[in-house]
Amino acid sequence: MSSSLQPMSSPEFVAALRGLSHRYWGTHPFHHRLHDGDLSEHELKTWAANRWYYQCMLPQKDAAIVSNCPLPEIRRQWLDRIVYHDGTQAGDGGIERWLRLCTAVGLDRDEVLDQRHVAPGVRFAVDAYVTFARTKPWVEAVASGLTEMFAGHLMRKRVADMLAHYSWISPGDLAYFTNRIDAVSGEGQATVDIVVRHSVTREQQDKAIEALSFKCDVLWSMLDAIERAAAKD
């Protein structure tokens, strides 16, 4: 992409970012099967155990963004994300809520924590995402998280569909999603605002779009690997 191009207007830039929604992992065949109630208990376990690795690495990804960002106002804002996932004390936070879902689908807590079920492809994709956050300019790392724009509706649908199709899962077991719906809505707009405000040249805008595209690839690759792992076992 040429840096000689004129910057996009803010509405054009946001539209270009939102235009990647068709590549979000909500459109992956495995997620369609999850929502349709077609996953076996084994497949649900494989999904939950592997998604755990993604969840537990998010605070490290966010810490990398904080460490690279020279702006105190952004660092203060971003710290809330680390606290959200890690909690303010043991037994609290988004990571703990994901562990509750893991036990609800039949996994032992220890086997989730020791990562014995994490597929190599999932580990590779998630680690690549964390490395991206550590090594790229902080605005690009923030832009990679703009998948939040596509997440709220999917989470609402996931809660309804999982309760409808998987009778052994209770509303409380889905607290990760129900708690996250409102948070994603607020964070998603705040993240858009940050990226728009700090991507002022066309080159910066293009890099932000590339970063979001990369994140979509990470999520899609995770589901590809989960699907293969579930089929193999």
Protein backbone atom coordinates (compact mmCIF):
# COMPACT_ATOMS: atom_id res chain seq x y z
CA MET A 1 0.00 0.00 0.00
CA SER A 2 1.36 3.40 -0.94
CA SER A 3 2.06 6.00 1.73
CA SER A 4 1.59 8.67 -0.95
CA LEU A 5 -2.17 8.20 -0.85
CA GLN A 6 -4.27 10.75 0.98
CA PRO A 7 -5.52 9.69 4.44
CA MET A 8 -9.01 8.33 4.58
CA SER A 9 -11.62 10.36 6.39
CA SER A 10 -12.54 8.99 9.80
CA PRO A 11 -15.82 7.45 8.53
CA GLU A 12 -14.00 5.86 5.59
CA PHE A 13 -11.30 4.49 7.86
CA VAL A 14 -13.79 3.01 10.32
CA ALA A 15 -15.78 1.52 7.44
CA ALA A 16 -12.61 -0.13 6.11
CA LEU A 17 -11.95 -1.65 9.53
CA ARG A 18 -15.53 -2.85 9.90
CA GLY A 19 -15.33 -4.30 6.41
CA LEU A 20 -13.19 -7.12 7.78
CA SER A 21 -16.11 -8.50 9.81
CA HIS A 22 -16.64 -11.32 7.28
CA ARG A 23 -13.23 -12.68 8.28
CA TYR A 24 -13.99 -12.79 12.00
CA TRP A 25 -14.03 -16.26 13.54
CA GLY A 26 -17.78 -16.10 14.05
CA THR A 27 -18.10 -17.13 10.40
CA HIS A 28 -15.86 -20.21 10.79
CA PRO A 29 -17.61 -23.59 10.17
CA PHE A 30 -16.62 -24.82 13.64
CA HIS A 31 -18.38 -21.88 15.26
CA HIS A 32 -21.45 -22.51 13.10
CA ARG A 33 -21.51 -26.08 14.42
CA LEU A 34 -21.08 -24.81 17.97
CA HIS A 35 -24.06 -22.50 17.62
CA ASP A 36 -26.17 -25.13 15.89
CA GLY A 37 -25.66 -27.58 18.76
CA ASP A 38 -23.75 -30.03 16.58
CA LEU A 39 -20.59 -30.34 18.67
CA SER A 40 -20.01 -33.49 20.70
CA GLU A 41 -18.95 -33.27 24.32
CA HIS A 42 -15.42 -34.12 23.21
CA GLU A 43 -15.42 -31.29 20.68
CA LEU A 44 -16.70 -28.84 23.30
CA LYS A 45 -13.94 -29.89 25.66
CA THR A 46 -11.32 -29.47 22.95
CA TRP A 47 -12.65 -26.01 22.12
CA ALA A 48 -12.78 -24.84 25.74
CA ALA A 49 -9.33 -26.18 26.66
CA ASN A 50 -7.69 -24.61 23.63
CA ARG A 51 -9.53 -21.32 23.90
CA TRP A 52 -8.22 -21.22 27.47
CA TYR A 53 -4.71 -20.68 26.14
CA TYR A 54 -5.91 -17.63 24.24
CA GLN A 55 -7.71 -16.26 27.28
CA CYS A 56 -4.79 -16.70 29.66
CA MET A 57 -2.39 -14.98 27.25
CA LEU A 58 -4.53 -11.87 26.74
CA PRO A 59 -3.20 -10.08 29.85
CA GLN A 60 0.35 -10.60 28.59
CA LYS A 61 -0.66 -9.19 25.21
CA ASP A 62 -2.20 -6.16 26.89
CA ALA A 63 0.82 -5.71 29.15
CA ALA A 64 3.00 -5.63 26.04
CA ILE A 65 0.87 -2.82 24.63
CA VAL A 66 1.18 -0.87 27.88
CA SER A 67 4.95 -1.36 27.95
CA ASN A 68 5.33 0.00 24.40
CA CYS A 69 2.98 2.96 24.72
CA PRO A 70 4.55 6.33 25.63
CA LEU A 71 1.21 8.00 26.43
CA PRO A 72 0.11 7.86 30.08
CA GLU A 73 -3.56 8.39 29.21
CA ILE A 74 -3.55 5.31 26.99
CA ARG A 75 -1.59 3.25 29.51
CA ARG A 76 -4.08 4.12 32.26
CA GLN A 77 -6.99 3.16 30.02
CA TRP A 78 -5.39 -0.09 28.89
CA LEU A 79 -4.49 -1.29 32.37
CA ASP A 80 -8.19 -1.95 33.01
CA ARG A 81 -8.05 -4.78 30.47
CA ILE A 82 -5.32 -6.58 32.38
CA VAL A 83 -7.28 -6.29 35.60
CA TYR A 84 -10.45 -7.45 33.83
CA HIS A 85 -8.88 -10.75 32.81
CA ASP A 86 -6.59 -11.35 35.80
CA GLY A 87 -9.03 -9.99 38.38
CA THR A 88 -8.14 -7.99 41.44
CA GLN A 89 -7.47 -11.14 43.46
CA ALA A 90 -7.22 -14.91 43.06
CA GLY A 91 -10.49 -16.49 41.97
CA ASP A 92 -11.70 -13.33 40.23
CA GLY A 93 -11.66 -12.06 36.66
CA GLY A 94 -12.34 -13.19 33.12
CA ILE A 95 -9.76 -15.99 33.22
CA GLU A 96 -11.49 -17.52 36.24
CA ARG A 97 -14.86 -17.26 34.49
CA TRP A 98 -13.43 -19.15 31.50
CA LEU A 99 -12.18 -21.88 33.83
CA ARG A 100 -15.73 -22.23 35.15
CA LEU A 101 -16.94 -22.89 31.60
CA CYS A 102 -14.17 -25.45 31.16
CA THR A 103 -15.35 -27.40 34.20
CA ALA A 104 -18.96 -27.13 33.01
CA VAL A 105 -18.13 -28.90 29.74
CA GLY A 106 -16.46 -31.73 31.68
CA LEU A 107 -12.81 -30.73 31.97
CA ASP A 108 -10.80 -31.03 35.16
CA ARG A 109 -9.37 -27.69 36.24
CA ASP A 110 -5.83 -29.07 36.52
CA GLU A 111 -5.83 -30.46 32.99
CA VAL A 112 -6.82 -27.03 31.68
CA LEU A 113 -4.18 -25.23 33.71
CA ASP A 114 -1.35 -27.53 32.66
CA GLN A 115 -2.33 -26.98 28.98
CA ARG A 116 -2.05 -30.66 28.07
CA HIS A 117 -4.84 -30.32 25.50
CA VAL A 118 -3.52 -27.21 23.74
CA ALA A 119 -2.94 -27.99 20.06
CA PRO A 120 0.39 -26.87 18.53
CA GLY A 121 -1.43 -24.75 15.96
CA VAL A 122 -3.35 -22.92 18.67
CA ARG A 123 -0.20 -22.28 20.67
CA PHE A 124 1.61 -21.04 17.56
CA ALA A 125 -1.21 -18.65 16.60
CA VAL A 126 -1.67 -17.22 20.09
CA ASP A 127 2.06 -16.81 20.64
CA ALA A 128 2.29 -15.01 17.29
CA TYR A 129 -0.39 -12.61 18.49
CA VAL A 130 1.49 -11.84 21.70
CA THR A 131 4.72 -11.39 19.74
CA PHE A 132 2.90 -8.99 17.41
CA ALA A 133 1.85 -6.89 20.40
CA ARG A 134 5.39 -6.90 21.78
CA THR A 135 7.18 -5.99 18.57
CA LYS A 136 4.86 -3.75 16.56
CA PRO A 137 4.12 -0.07 17.20
CA TRP A 138 1.58 0.24 19.98
CA VAL A 139 -1.12 1.71 17.73
CA GLU A 140 -0.94 -1.33 15.44
CA ALA A 141 -1.13 -3.64 18.46
CA VAL A 142 -4.21 -1.77 19.67
CA ALA A 143 -5.75 -1.96 16.19
CA SER A 144 -5.30 -5.73 16.14
CA GLY A 145 -7.77 -5.90 19.02
CA LEU A 146 -10.53 -4.25 17.02
CA THR A 147 -12.15 -7.65 16.57
CA GLU A 148 -14.06 -6.32 19.59
CA MET A 149 -16.22 -4.48 17.06
CA PHE A 150 -17.59 -7.82 15.89
CA ALA A 151 -17.80 -9.64 19.22
CA GLY A 152 -20.81 -8.28 21.12
CA HIS A 153 -23.53 -9.67 18.88
CA LEU A 154 -21.73 -13.00 18.59
CA MET A 155 -21.49 -13.36 22.37
CA ARG A 156 -25.19 -12.71 22.82
CA LYS A 157 -25.98 -15.34 20.22
CA ARG A 158 -23.52 -17.78 21.76
CA VAL A 159 -25.14 -17.56 25.18
CA ALA A 160 -28.61 -18.17 23.76
CA ASP A 161 -27.52 -20.98 21.45
CA MET A 162 -25.39 -22.83 24.01
CA LEU A 163 -28.18 -22.74 26.59
CA ALA A 164 -30.62 -24.01 23.96
CA HIS A 165 -28.48 -26.87 22.68
CA TYR A 166 -26.21 -28.02 25.50
CA SER A 167 -28.47 -28.85 28.42
CA TRP A 168 -25.65 -29.55 30.89
CA ILE A 169 -24.44 -25.95 30.66
CA SER A 170 -26.17 -23.45 32.97
CA PRO A 171 -26.44 -19.65 32.62
CA GLY A 172 -23.88 -19.22 35.38
CA ASP A 173 -21.37 -21.34 33.47
CA LEU A 174 -21.50 -18.79 30.65
CA ALA A 175 -20.59 -15.87 32.90
CA TYR A 176 -17.50 -15.16 30.80
CA PHE A 177 -19.71 -14.24 27.85
CA THR A 178 -22.55 -12.55 29.72
CA ASN A 179 -20.10 -10.45 31.72
CA ARG A 180 -18.08 -9.60 28.62
CA ILE A 181 -20.95 -8.43 26.38
CA ASP A 182 -21.28 -4.99 27.94
CA ALA A 183 -17.53 -4.64 28.42
CA VAL A 184 -16.87 -5.35 24.74
CA SER A 185 -19.40 -2.74 23.66
CA GLY A 186 -17.65 -0.01 25.61
CA GLU A 187 -14.11 -1.18 24.90
CA GLY A 188 -14.82 -1.63 21.21
CA GLN A 189 -15.80 2.00 20.70
CA ALA A 190 -12.98 3.23 22.92
CA THR A 191 -10.48 1.21 20.89
CA VAL A 192 -11.86 2.56 17.61
CA ASP A 193 -11.49 6.09 18.97
CA ILE A 194 -7.85 5.47 19.95
CA VAL A 195 -6.94 3.99 16.58
CA VAL A 196 -8.68 6.74 14.62
CA ARG A 197 -7.10 9.47 16.73
CA HIS A 198 -3.57 8.10 16.43
CA SER A 199 -3.65 6.83 12.82
CA VAL A 200 -3.43 10.12 10.98
CA THR A 201 -1.47 9.25 7.85
CA ARG A 202 -2.60 6.87 5.15
CA GLU A 203 0.33 4.59 5.94
CA GLN A 204 -0.72 4.41 9.59
CA GLN A 205 -4.32 3.72 8.59
CA ASP A 206 -3.24 0.96 6.23
CA LYS A 207 -1.06 -0.58 8.95
CA ALA A 208 -4.02 -0.56 11.33
CA ILE A 209 -6.16 -2.39 8.78
CA GLU A 210 -3.36 -4.89 8.23
CA ALA A 211 -3.12 -5.42 11.99
CA LEU A 212 -6.82 -6.20 12.28
CA SER A 213 -6.53 -8.54 9.30
CA PHE A 214 -3.67 -10.32 11.06
CA LYS A 215 -5.78 -10.78 14.20
CA CYS A 216 -8.59 -12.28 12.12
CA ASP A 217 -6.04 -14.73 10.71
CA VAL A 218 -4.92 -15.62 14.24
CA LEU A 219 -8.46 -16.40 15.38
CA TRP A 220 -9.30 -18.34 12.22
CA SER A 221 -6.10 -20.38 12.52
CA MET A 222 -6.99 -21.21 16.10
CA LEU A 223 -10.31 -22.71 15.06
CA ASP A 224 -8.71 -24.62 12.21
CA ALA A 225 -6.30 -26.17 14.71
CA ILE A 226 -9.07 -26.88 17.25
CA GLU A 227 -11.18 -28.56 14.60
CA ARG A 228 -8.28 -30.80 13.53
CA ALA A 229 -7.38 -31.64 17.13
CA ALA A 230 -10.95 -32.62 17.95
CA ALA A 231 -11.21 -34.81 14.87
CA LYS A 232 -7.87 -36.54 15.54
CA ASP A 233 -8.66 -37.45 19.12
